[in-house]
Structures are given as structure tokens and as C-alpha cells.
Amino acid sequence: MFDVKKEASELENELISLRRSFHENPELGYNEFETSIKIRDYLSRIGAEDIKTVTKTGVSALIKGKENGKTVMLRSDMDALPVEEKTGLPFTSKNKGVMHACGHDGHMAIQLIAAKILSYHRDELKGTVKLVFQPNEEEAGALNMINEGVLENPKVDGAFALHLWSPIKTGHIGLSDGPILGTTEEFELEIVGKAGHTSAPHLGRDALLGACSVVQAVQSLGTREFNPLQPIAIMFGFINGGTARNIITDKVKLGGTIRFLFPDEEKNKPVVLAAFERVIKGTCLSLGLDYKLKFIPSNPSLVNDPKMVAIVKKSVEEIYTNTENIEDFRSLAGEDFAEFSHRVPSVMTWVGIADKEKKTDFPHHCAQFDIDESMLKIGVELQILNVLNFLNY
């Protein structure tokens, strides 16, 4: 087998340059037009085959080995976030109000360099590598790619993804089998009352009071209705209502997420959502208010296949000569690689990037978020070894 570490090191400057270029030019979900062009051009230059645009701005391509065999998928997300960057980096975002604040810039760079090295050695591959660059991860674009056939022609036998992760310190790897990320359901809620003057509250129906009461009431679900040993988080991301200090508003709009990590997701999800609506209905009824509730399906739980996890552990051991830096990892975060994990054996690995001195320990989706670029090379090595260990052994 070729020297993965040596070849990744030789391309590290290009790797970092790619990441910084993506970082400077972020684009929101399904608007990754320039990003898509850049990826397709790069894949064309390295000799990838069957390069396609999938789901508006997504990209898929193949690296075919000399021998027939299985097909393994590497997946990278592409989209940025509606965040105004405050890192002060020399390669800060050029697009006002848009920022790569979740590491997707690094993921794309890692996957392109991994693809380049694998293309050099395609004659040594026993099978096919399918490269998938997915748009709109932040709002669940994976299912659209699946519906457009990205797991077929050739049929994918297994999938690998990684995520640069600031809650884990640099050099450490987060890896566990089974359900590792929670089910996520988004919601939009409108509390409907009757407008009035604040001097005569008995003549109105205060939607703002109803909104505050609902926010408080639904928190009881995690501590009083469901097993407290099974995590559930009901969080409100926005609340909008009212026009003046002396007017009782008749409408308040709220939005947020419900995240949980329960066994038997298919059975328990309807139970959780029904309980959530029951508390809202009861609270509004007690205050003489109406409501409108809309659920927006997001991500199912992400499930890491045990056999795929074993392959990653082998790859980590080849990189570090041991597995002492592997940490058990589970979270209520949502990641729509989960859609792939429910259809083919899959694994997502979490690559630690937190270094306080380098200021790379800020939370994801934060305006100060940055990554420890020294871990990009580890990501390349990891994905290449995962491919080789999956296809060739």
C-alpha cells in the first residue's frame, strides 16, 4: 500500500489553501453555485469520472478501481450559515451575513484532497469510490439527493463521513457505534389571541402571555413525562410578536426544535410530538387562546454501523499507532448524514479541532468559529484509509 501519511503531507499546503478559498466564499443551502463549479472543475482535473450535478448544486463523481468490487461513498457537506463572521481571519468571508461556521469548508477540502490521492492510485483499488458533495445539510438536503438516486448506479455498499468538531480537543477522535445523534424535529407555532389596550387587559386575550406560558410548560415533558435517562431537549430559537408597549398583541410566532435520543425512533417520535401538542393545546385552552402548529421534519437519528466503526478504529490506529485518543461520542445535534445511515452501513467520525491558543474552541454556528487546520491532514489520512480498509480487505 502507498504511503498515505507522506502523500497527505505533500499536499497539505494545497489542502489548507482549498479550505481558505471555500471559507472566503461561503454560500447558503441550495445556493452553492460557485462552490459547485469549483468542486466539479477540481474533480475533472484529477480525472474523476461520471461527474454529475445532483439536487440543484450537489455534486457526485466516481473514482473507479482497476478491479471490480464494492462501492464506498465519501460524503462532504457544502453549505454555509446565515452568520456575520467575527473571526478577524485574513481569509474572512467576503459574503456579508454568510459564513462557514460549522466546518463544511474543511470537509470539502479534505474530500477533494483525499479524492486526488485516491485518483493517483486508482489501479490499486478493488472497487469504486463514490464522491458525494451534499448541498443544504443545515436544512436536510440529503433526502433529496437520495430521492434523486445518489445511492444507486453504482449501488453504494457503505458510506463514510467525518465532522470537524470543536467540543472535542485537537488530536482526539469521537467515535461510537449505534445511535449517536438525536432525532430532530423542527416546529413553527403561532399563538392566537385578541388585541387590546394594556390598560384594559380583561378585554383582550394576551397572546404574549400564552407564548411565555407555552415555553415554560413544554419543559416539563423531559422531566415529568419521559424517562429522564433518555435525553430530550425542547428549545425555542425565536419568538416574535407585538407592535407597541401599550398594545396587547393578538399573535405571537415561535419556532424551535425538539431533539431526542430514544430507542425505537419510529415508535417514539409520534408519541413525543403528540405530547408536545397536547401541552400547547391545554395551555392555550386555559388562557382562552387558539394556536396553529406546524411540524417540519428534519433529521432522524444518525446510526453508526458497528462493522463500519471497526474499520474507522483500524484507520485511527494506523494514523496514531494506537486508539487511546478515541472518545465515546453521542450528542443531540442533528446531522442529515443520518438519512444515509438508515439506508446503507455508515459511520460518521468526529475529528477534534479545539485548541484554546489557536482560538478554535468556539461553538459551532458561532460568529467566532474557526478550525484547527492541523487536523485537516488527519481528516485526509482517515478518509483514504477508510476507503482502502473497506474496499481492499
Foldseek 3Di string as FASTA:
>chain_A
DDDLLVLLVVCLVVLVVQLLVLFQEAAAFLGCAVVLVVLLVLCVVLPWAPWDAADNRKIKTKLAAPAAFAEEEEEAEGHWDQQAADAPDPSHYPDGRTGRQFCSSLQSSLLSSLSSVCSVVRHVFHHMYMYIYFGDFVFQRPVRRVVVPSCVPPHHAEYEYEGAFLVAAAPFKAFDFFFFAWFKKKKKKKKFWAKDWQVCCVVIQASVVLVVVLVVQLVCCCVPPDDVVWDKDWDKDDKDFDDDPTMRTGMIMIITMITTDDPPCVVCVVVSVVVSVVSSVVSQVVRVIDMDMDMDGGAHTAGADPVLSVLLLVLVCVVVVHNVRYDHHHYHDGGRVSVVVVPHRYTYMYHYFHDVVVQQNDHGPDSNHDGNSVCSSVSNSSVSSSSCSVGPD
